[in-house]
PDB file of N, CA and C in Angstrom:
ATOM      1  N   MET A   1     -69.601  97.973 -10.403  1.00  0.00           N
ATOM      2  CA  MET A   1     -68.520  97.713 -11.322  1.00  0.00           C
ATOM      3  C   MET A   1     -68.857  96.455 -12.123  1.00  0.00           C
ATOM      4  N   PRO A   2     -68.689  96.500 -13.453  1.00  0.00           N
ATOM      5  CA  PRO A   2     -68.963  95.327 -14.274  1.00  0.00           C
ATOM      6  C   PRO A   2     -67.977  94.195 -13.978  1.00  0.00           C
ATOM      7  N   ASN A   3     -68.404  92.994 -14.266  1.00  0.00           N
ATOM      8  CA  ASN A   3     -67.560  91.812 -14.082  1.00  0.00           C
ATOM      9  C   ASN A   3     -67.221  91.211 -15.427  1.00  0.00           C
ATOM     10  N   ILE A   4     -66.072  90.511 -15.483  1.00  0.00           N
ATOM     11  CA  ILE A   4     -65.722  89.725 -16.657  1.00  0.00           C
ATOM     12  C   ILE A   4     -65.409  88.320 -16.181  1.00  0.00           C
ATOM     13  N   THR A   5     -65.533  87.380 -17.081  1.00  0.00           N
ATOM     14  CA  THR A   5     -65.200  85.996 -16.787  1.00  0.00           C
ATOM     15  C   THR A   5     -64.123  85.562 -17.761  1.00  0.00           C
ATOM     16  N   LEU A   6     -63.125  84.847 -17.253  1.00  0.00           N
ATOM     17  CA  LEU A   6     -62.106  84.315 -18.143  1.00  0.00           C
ATOM     18  C   LEU A   6     -61.824  82.871 -17.771  1.00  0.00           C
ATOM     19  N   SER A   7     -61.329  82.148 -18.727  1.00  0.00           N
ATOM     20  CA  SER A   7     -61.016  80.736 -18.515  1.00  0.00           C
ATOM     21  C   SER A   7     -59.518  80.580 -18.359  1.00  0.00           C
ATOM     22  N   ILE A   8     -59.128  79.709 -17.429  1.00  0.00           N
ATOM     23  CA  ILE A   8     -57.720  79.396 -17.229  1.00  0.00           C
ATOM     24  C   ILE A   8     -57.583  77.882 -17.147  1.00  0.00           C
ATOM     25  N   SER A   9     -56.381  77.417 -17.377  1.00  0.00           N
ATOM     26  CA  SER A   9     -56.144  75.976 -17.314  1.00  0.00           C
ATOM     27  C   SER A   9     -56.119  75.512 -15.862  1.00  0.00           C
ATOM     28  N   GLU A  10     -56.305  74.227 -15.668  1.00  0.00           N
ATOM     29  CA  GLU A  10     -56.224  73.646 -14.323  1.00  0.00           C
ATOM     30  C   GLU A  10     -54.827  73.865 -13.741  1.00  0.00           C
ATOM     31  N   GLU A  11     -53.830  73.745 -14.592  1.00  0.00           N
ATOM     32  CA  GLU A  11     -52.446  73.951 -14.163  1.00  0.00           C
ATOM     33  C   GLU A  11     -52.256  75.363 -13.610  1.00  0.00           C
ATOM     34  N   LEU A  12     -52.767  76.351 -14.332  1.00  0.00           N
ATOM     35  CA  LEU A  12     -52.646  77.733 -13.878  1.00  0.00           C
ATOM     36  C   LEU A  12     -53.407  77.942 -12.575  1.00  0.00           C
ATOM     37  N   LYS A  13     -54.580  77.342 -12.469  1.00  0.00           N
ATOM     38  CA  LYS A  13     -55.356  77.459 -11.238  1.00  0.00           C
ATOM     39  C   LYS A  13     -54.581  76.901 -10.044  1.00  0.00           C
ATOM     40  N   LYS A  14     -53.911  75.766 -10.238  1.00  0.00           N
ATOM     41  CA  LYS A  14     -53.102  75.174  -9.169  1.00  0.00           C
ATOM     42  C   LYS A  14     -51.964  76.111  -8.777  1.00  0.00           C
ATOM     43  N   GLU A  15     -51.326  76.706  -9.777  1.00  0.00           N
ATOM     44  CA  GLU A  15     -50.234  77.629  -9.507  1.00  0.00           C
ATOM     45  C   GLU A  15     -50.737  78.860  -8.738  1.00  0.00           C
ATOM     46  N   MET A  16     -51.893  79.359  -9.115  1.00  0.00           N
ATOM     47  CA  MET A  16     -52.462  80.521  -8.433  1.00  0.00           C
ATOM     48  C   MET A  16     -52.773  80.207  -6.968  1.00  0.00           C
ATOM     49  N   LYS A  17     -53.229  78.997  -6.710  1.00  0.00           N
ATOM     50  CA  LYS A  17     -53.563  78.608  -5.337  1.00  0.00           C
ATOM     51  C   LYS A  17     -52.343  78.627  -4.428  1.00  0.00           C
ATOM     52  N   LYS A  18     -51.151  78.433  -5.005  1.00  0.00           N
ATOM     53  CA  LYS A  18     -49.920  78.496  -4.212  1.00  0.00           C
ATOM     54  C   LYS A  18     -49.731  79.888  -3.603  1.00  0.00           C
ATOM     55  N   TYR A  19     -50.311  80.878  -4.244  1.00  0.00           N
ATOM     56  CA  TYR A  19     -50.159  82.263  -3.813  1.00  0.00           C
ATOM     57  C   TYR A  19     -51.526  82.828  -3.436  1.00  0.00           C
ATOM     58  N   SER A  20     -52.136  82.192  -2.474  1.00  0.00           N
ATOM     59  CA  SER A  20     -53.507  82.548  -2.095  1.00  0.00           C
ATOM     60  C   SER A  20     -53.620  83.954  -1.499  1.00  0.00           C
ATOM     61  N   SER A  21     -52.504  84.537  -1.077  1.00  0.00           N
ATOM     62  CA  SER A  21     -52.561  85.884  -0.512  1.00  0.00           C
ATOM     63  C   SER A  21     -52.716  86.960  -1.591  1.00  0.00           C
ATOM     64  N   VAL A  22     -52.460  86.571  -2.842  1.00  0.00           N
ATOM     65  CA  VAL A  22     -52.585  87.528  -3.942  1.00  0.00           C
ATOM     66  C   VAL A  22     -54.052  87.759  -4.250  1.00  0.00           C
ATOM     67  N   LYS A  23     -54.409  89.011  -4.419  1.00  0.00           N
ATOM     68  CA  LYS A  23     -55.764  89.358  -4.859  1.00  0.00           C
ATOM     69  C   LYS A  23     -55.743  89.327  -6.382  1.00  0.00           C
ATOM     70  N   TRP A  24     -56.071  88.163  -6.920  1.00  0.00           N
ATOM     71  CA  TRP A  24     -55.924  87.940  -8.355  1.00  0.00           C
ATOM     72  C   TRP A  24     -56.792  88.868  -9.187  1.00  0.00           C
ATOM     73  N   SER A  25     -57.954  89.209  -8.697  1.00  0.00           N
ATOM     74  CA  SER A  25     -58.820  90.124  -9.430  1.00  0.00           C
ATOM     75  C   SER A  25     -58.127  91.477  -9.604  1.00  0.00           C
ATOM     76  N   SER A  26     -57.509  91.962  -8.534  1.00  0.00           N
ATOM     77  CA  SER A  26     -56.789  93.239  -8.608  1.00  0.00           C
ATOM     78  C   SER A  26     -55.577  93.131  -9.519  1.00  0.00           C
ATOM     79  N   ALA A  27     -54.877  92.010  -9.434  1.00  0.00           N
ATOM     80  CA  ALA A  27     -53.694  91.817 -10.272  1.00  0.00           C
ATOM     81  C   ALA A  27     -54.072  91.858 -11.756  1.00  0.00           C
ATOM     82  N   VAL A  28     -55.129  91.156 -12.113  1.00  0.00           N
ATOM     83  CA  VAL A  28     -55.568  91.133 -13.510  1.00  0.00           C
ATOM     84  C   VAL A  28     -56.067  92.513 -13.938  1.00  0.00           C
ATOM     85  N   ARG A  29     -56.793  93.188 -13.055  1.00  0.00           N
ATOM     86  CA  ARG A  29     -57.274  94.536 -13.360  1.00  0.00           C
ATOM     87  C   ARG A  29     -56.090  95.462 -13.645  1.00  0.00           C
ATOM     88  N   ASN A  30     -55.034  95.373 -12.834  1.00  0.00           N
ATOM     89  CA  ASN A  30     -53.848  96.213 -13.042  1.00  0.00           C
ATOM     90  C   ASN A  30     -53.175  95.917 -14.374  1.00  0.00           C
ATOM     91  N   ILE A  31     -53.115  94.640 -14.727  1.00  0.00           N
ATOM     92  CA  ILE A  31     -52.511  94.259 -16.003  1.00  0.00           C
ATOM     93  C   ILE A  31     -53.325  94.816 -17.172  1.00  0.00           C
ATOM     94  N   ILE A  32     -54.640  94.731 -17.081  1.00  0.00           N
ATOM     95  CA  ILE A  32     -55.503  95.269 -18.137  1.00  0.00           C
ATOM     96  C   ILE A  32     -55.333  96.779 -18.251  1.00  0.00           C
ATOM     97  N   GLU A  33     -55.302  97.462 -17.108  1.00  0.00           N
ATOM     98  CA  GLU A  33     -55.113  98.920 -17.122  1.00  0.00           C
ATOM     99  C   GLU A  33     -53.776  99.286 -17.757  1.00  0.00           C
ATOM    100  N   GLN A  34     -52.720  98.548 -17.442  1.00  0.00           N
ATOM    101  CA  GLN A  34     -51.403  98.831 -18.012  1.00  0.00           C
ATOM    102  C   GLN A  34     -51.401  98.579 -19.510  1.00  0.00           C
ATOM    103  N   LYS A  35     -52.057  97.509 -19.936  1.00  0.00           N
ATOM    104  CA  LYS A  35     -52.116  97.196 -21.366  1.00  0.00           C
ATOM    105  C   LYS A  35     -52.851  98.296 -22.126  1.00  0.00           C
ATOM    106  N   ILE A  36     -53.940  98.798 -21.557  1.00  0.00           N
ATOM    107  CA  ILE A  36     -54.681  99.897 -22.189  1.00  0.00           C
ATOM    108  C   ILE A  36     -53.801 101.139 -22.274  1.00  0.00           C
ATOM    109  N   ALA A  37     -53.065 101.440 -21.206  1.00  0.00           N
ATOM    110  CA  ALA A  37     -52.153 102.588 -21.212  1.00  0.00           C
ATOM    111  C   ALA A  37     -51.090 102.418 -22.300  1.00  0.00           C
ATOM    112  N   ASP A  38     -50.589 101.190 -22.468  1.00  0.00           N
ATOM    113  CA  ASP A  38     -49.599 100.914 -23.518  1.00  0.00           C
ATOM    114  C   ASP A  38     -50.187 101.181 -24.897  1.00  0.00           C
ATOM    115  N   PHE A  39     -51.422 100.715 -25.133  1.00  0.00           N
ATOM    116  CA  PHE A  39     -52.073 100.942 -26.419  1.00  0.00           C
ATOM    117  C   PHE A  39     -52.305 102.432 -26.658  1.00  0.00           C
ATOM    118  N   GLU A  40     -52.729 103.149 -25.625  1.00  0.00           N
ATOM    119  CA  GLU A  40     -52.975 104.586 -25.769  1.00  0.00           C
ATOM    120  C   GLU A  40     -51.684 105.322 -26.101  1.00  0.00           C
ATOM    121  N   GLU A  41     -50.573 104.916 -25.470  1.00  0.00           N
ATOM    122  CA  GLU A  41     -49.287 105.540 -25.769  1.00  0.00           C
ATOM    123  C   GLU A  41     -48.870 105.235 -27.207  1.00  0.00           C
ATOM    124  N   ALA A  42     -49.063 103.989 -27.629  1.00  0.00           N
ATOM    125  CA  ALA A  42     -48.728 103.609 -29.009  1.00  0.00           C
ATOM    126  C   ALA A  42     -49.587 104.391 -30.002  1.00  0.00           C
ATOM    127  N   ASP A  43     -50.874 104.551 -29.703  1.00  0.00           N
ATOM    128  CA  ASP A  43     -51.763 105.338 -30.572  1.00  0.00           C
ATOM    129  C   ASP A  43     -51.288 106.781 -30.659  1.00  0.00           C
ATOM    130  N   SER A  44     -50.893 107.334 -29.534  1.00  0.00           N
ATOM    131  CA  SER A  44     -50.414 108.716 -29.501  1.00  0.00           C
ATOM    132  C   SER A  44     -49.162 108.887 -30.348  1.00  0.00           C
ATOM    133  N   ILE A  45     -48.240 107.938 -30.223  1.00  0.00           N
ATOM    134  CA  ILE A  45     -47.006 107.982 -31.021  1.00  0.00           C
ATOM    135  C   ILE A  45     -47.334 107.822 -32.497  1.00  0.00           C
ATOM    136  N   ALA A  46     -48.228 106.889 -32.809  1.00  0.00           N
ATOM    137  CA  ALA A  46     -48.588 106.632 -34.207  1.00  0.00           C
ATOM    138  C   ALA A  46     -49.233 107.856 -34.849  1.00  0.00           C
ATOM    139  N   LYS A  47     -50.044 108.584 -34.096  1.00  0.00           N
ATOM    140  CA  LYS A  47     -50.702 109.779 -34.642  1.00  0.00           C
ATOM    141  C   LYS A  47     -49.691 110.857 -35.012  1.00  0.00           C
ATOM    142  N   LYS A  48     -48.561 110.899 -34.307  1.00  0.00           N
ATOM    143  CA  LYS A  48     -47.529 111.901 -34.569  1.00  0.00           C
ATOM    144  C   LYS A  48     -46.572 111.466 -35.665  1.00  0.00           C
ATOM    145  N   SER A  49     -46.624 110.203 -36.036  1.00  0.00           N
ATOM    146  CA  SER A  49     -45.674 109.637 -36.987  1.00  0.00           C
ATOM    147  C   SER A  49     -46.028 110.020 -38.413  1.00  0.00           C
ATOM    148  N   ARG A  50     -45.004 110.183 -39.219  1.00  0.00           N
ATOM    149  CA  ARG A  50     -45.191 110.430 -40.650  1.00  0.00           C
ATOM    150  C   ARG A  50     -45.101 109.124 -41.435  1.00  0.00           C
ATOM    151  N   LEU A  51     -44.836 108.060 -40.718  1.00  0.00           N
ATOM    152  CA  LEU A  51     -44.681 106.755 -41.341  1.00  0.00           C
ATOM    153  C   LEU A  51     -46.046 106.240 -41.804  1.00  0.00           C
ATOM    154  N   ASN A  52     -46.135 105.868 -43.076  1.00  0.00           N
ATOM    155  CA  ASN A  52     -47.406 105.323 -43.560  1.00  0.00           C
ATOM    156  C   ASN A  52     -47.357 103.807 -43.550  1.00  0.00           C
ATOM    157  N   TRP A  53     -48.489 103.184 -43.810  1.00  0.00           N
ATOM    158  CA  TRP A  53     -48.622 101.738 -43.713  1.00  0.00           C
ATOM    159  C   TRP A  53     -47.687 101.021 -44.687  1.00  0.00           C
ATOM    160  N   LYS A  54     -47.595 101.504 -45.904  1.00  0.00           N
ATOM    161  CA  LYS A  54     -46.763 100.859 -46.919  1.00  0.00           C
ATOM    162  C   LYS A  54     -45.295 100.878 -46.480  1.00  0.00           C
ATOM    163  N   THR A  55     -44.815 102.020 -46.019  1.00  0.00           N
ATOM    164  CA  THR A  55     -43.425 102.139 -45.563  1.00  0.00           C
ATOM    165  C   THR A  55     -43.192 101.260 -44.347  1.00  0.00           C
ATOM    166  N   TRP A  56     -44.167 101.228 -43.451  1.00  0.00           N
ATOM    167  CA  TRP A  56     -44.044 100.396 -42.252  1.00  0.00           C
ATOM    168  C   TRP A  56     -43.895  98.926 -42.632  1.00  0.00           C
ATOM    169  N   LYS A  57     -44.674  98.471 -43.610  1.00  0.00           N
ATOM    170  CA  LYS A  57     -44.599  97.074 -44.039  1.00  0.00           C
ATOM    171  C   LYS A  57     -43.227  96.754 -44.624  1.00  0.00           C
ATOM    172  N   ILE A  58     -42.657  97.684 -45.372  1.00  0.00           N
ATOM    173  CA  ILE A  58     -41.323  97.473 -45.956  1.00  0.00           C
ATOM    174  C   ILE A  58     -40.279  97.369 -44.852  1.00  0.00           C
ATOM    175  N   ILE A  59     -40.332  98.291 -43.906  1.00  0.00           N
ATOM    176  CA  ILE A  59     -39.379  98.284 -42.789  1.00  0.00           C
ATOM    177  C   ILE A  59     -39.542  97.011 -41.968  1.00  0.00           C
ATOM    178  N   SER A  60     -40.782  96.640 -41.697  1.00  0.00           N
ATOM    179  CA  SER A  60     -41.059  95.440 -40.921  1.00  0.00           C
ATOM    180  C   SER A  60     -40.501  94.193 -41.604  1.00  0.00           C
ATOM    181  N   ALA A  61     -40.671  94.111 -42.908  1.00  0.00           N
ATOM    182  CA  ALA A  61     -40.164  92.958 -43.662  1.00  0.00           C
ATOM    183  C   ALA A  61     -38.640  92.894 -43.582  1.00  0.00           C
ATOM    184  N   LYS A  62     -37.981  94.049 -43.673  1.00  0.00           N
ATOM    185  CA  LYS A  62     -36.519  94.077 -43.587  1.00  0.00           C
ATOM    186  C   LYS A  62     -36.052  93.647 -42.197  1.00  0.00           C
ATOM    187  N   ILE A  63     -36.732  94.123 -41.179  1.00  0.00           N
ATOM    188  CA  ILE A  63     -36.379  93.742 -39.815  1.00  0.00           C
ATOM    189  C   ILE A  63     -36.559  92.237 -39.629  1.00  0.00           C
ATOM    190  N   SER A  64     -37.688  91.710 -40.096  1.00  0.00           N
ATOM    191  CA  SER A  64     -37.951  90.272 -39.971  1.00  0.00           C
ATOM    192  C   SER A  64     -36.899  89.457 -40.708  1.00  0.00           C
ATOM    193  N   LYS A  65     -36.535  89.894 -41.896  1.00  0.00           N
ATOM    194  CA  LYS A  65     -35.531  89.185 -42.690  1.00  0.00           C
ATOM    195  C   LYS A  65     -34.188  89.201 -41.964  1.00  0.00           C
ATOM    196  N   ASN A  66     -33.797  90.353 -41.418  1.00  0.00           N
ATOM    197  CA  ASN A  66     -32.526  90.450 -40.705  1.00  0.00           C
ATOM    198  C   ASN A  66     -32.549  89.644 -39.409  1.00  0.00           C
ATOM    199  N   ALA A  67     -33.680  89.632 -38.723  1.00  0.00           N
ATOM    200  CA  ALA A  67     -33.793  88.850 -37.486  1.00  0.00           C
ATOM    201  C   ALA A  67     -33.683  87.362 -37.794  1.00  0.00           C
ATOM    202  N   ALA A  68     -34.309  86.926 -38.867  1.00  0.00           N
ATOM    203  CA  ALA A  68     -34.235  85.513 -39.253  1.00  0.00           C
ATOM    204  C   ALA A  68     -32.804  85.145 -39.627  1.00  0.00           C
ATOM    205  N   LYS A  69     -32.132  86.023 -40.337  1.00  0.00           N
ATOM    206  CA  LYS A  69     -30.742  85.772 -40.722  1.00  0.00           C
ATOM    207  C   LYS A  69     -29.863  85.673 -39.483  1.00  0.00           C
ATOM    208  N   HIS A  70     -30.068  86.580 -38.545  1.00  0.00           N
ATOM    209  CA  HIS A  70     -29.289  86.574 -37.305  1.00  0.00           C
ATOM    210  C   HIS A  70     -29.556  85.291 -36.513  1.00  0.00           C
ATOM    211  N   ALA A  71     -30.804  84.894 -36.417  1.00  0.00           N
ATOM    212  CA  ALA A  71     -31.155  83.668 -35.692  1.00  0.00           C
ATOM    213  C   ALA A  71     -30.508  82.454 -36.355  1.00  0.00           C
ATOM    214  N   GLU A  72     -30.511  82.419 -37.660  1.00  0.00           N
ATOM    215  CA  GLU A  72     -29.884  81.304 -38.381  1.00  0.00           C
ATOM    216  C   GLU A  72     -28.378  81.268 -38.113  1.00  0.00           C
ATOM    217  N   GLU A  73     -27.741  82.448 -38.086  1.00  0.00           N
ATOM    218  CA  GLU A  73     -26.308  82.508 -37.774  1.00  0.00           C
ATOM    219  C   GLU A  73     -26.018  81.987 -36.373  1.00  0.00           C
ATOM    220  N   LEU A  74     -26.865  82.364 -35.426  1.00  0.00           N
ATOM    221  CA  LEU A  74     -26.678  81.896 -34.053  1.00  0.00           C
ATOM    222  C   LEU A  74     -26.846  80.387 -33.963  1.00  0.00           C
ATOM    223  N   LEU A  75     -27.843  79.863 -34.664  1.00  0.00           N
ATOM    224  CA  LEU A  75     -28.054  78.406 -34.666  1.00  0.00           C
ATOM    225  C   LEU A  75     -26.868  77.683 -35.281  1.00  0.00           C
ATOM    226  N   ASN A  76     -26.339  78.247 -36.348  1.00  0.00           N
ATOM    227  CA  ASN A  76     -25.183  77.628 -37.007  1.00  0.00           C
ATOM    228  C   ASN A  76     -23.961  77.649 -36.094  1.00  0.00           C
ATOM    229  N   GLU A  77     -23.782  78.737 -35.328  1.00  0.00           N
ATOM    230  CA  GLU A  77     -22.658  78.827 -34.395  1.00  0.00           C
ATOM    231  C   GLU A  77     -22.786  77.753 -33.316  1.00  0.00           C
ATOM    232  N   ASN A  78     -23.997  77.567 -32.804  1.00  0.00           N
ATOM    233  CA  ASN A  78     -24.227  76.597 -31.729  1.00  0.00           C
ATOM    234  C   ASN A  78     -24.100  75.158 -32.205  1.00  0.00           C
ATOM    235  N   ASN A  79     -24.349  74.924 -33.480  1.00  0.00           N
ATOM    236  CA  ASN A  79     -24.271  73.564 -34.025  1.00  0.00           C
ATOM    237  C   ASN A  79     -22.873  73.209 -34.523  1.00  0.00           C
ATOM    238  N   SER A  80     -21.984  74.176 -34.509  1.00  0.00           N
ATOM    239  CA  SER A  80     -20.618  73.932 -35.008  1.00  0.00           C
ATOM    240  C   SER A  80     -19.754  73.310 -33.949  1.00  0.00           C
TER     241      SER A  80
END
C-alpha cells in the first residue's frame, strides 16, 4: 500500500497524543475515502444536471448576496 506524508502543527500533534488509542492513519484514510465518495456523488449529480456554468454563477451570486444581506441584518440586530 502506498504511503503519504502530511504536515501538522505542534498543537495538533499534542492534541492527537491525548487520544493515543486512536489509529490516526485509519482515521485519516476513512476521511479521505469519504471525501472521495462525496466528490463522486457530486460529479454524478452534476452530470445529470441541466444547469450550465453561466446559470450556476448567476444563482451563486444571488445566494451570496442574500447571505451577506442576512448576515448584515443579524449583526445589526445584535448591535442594537
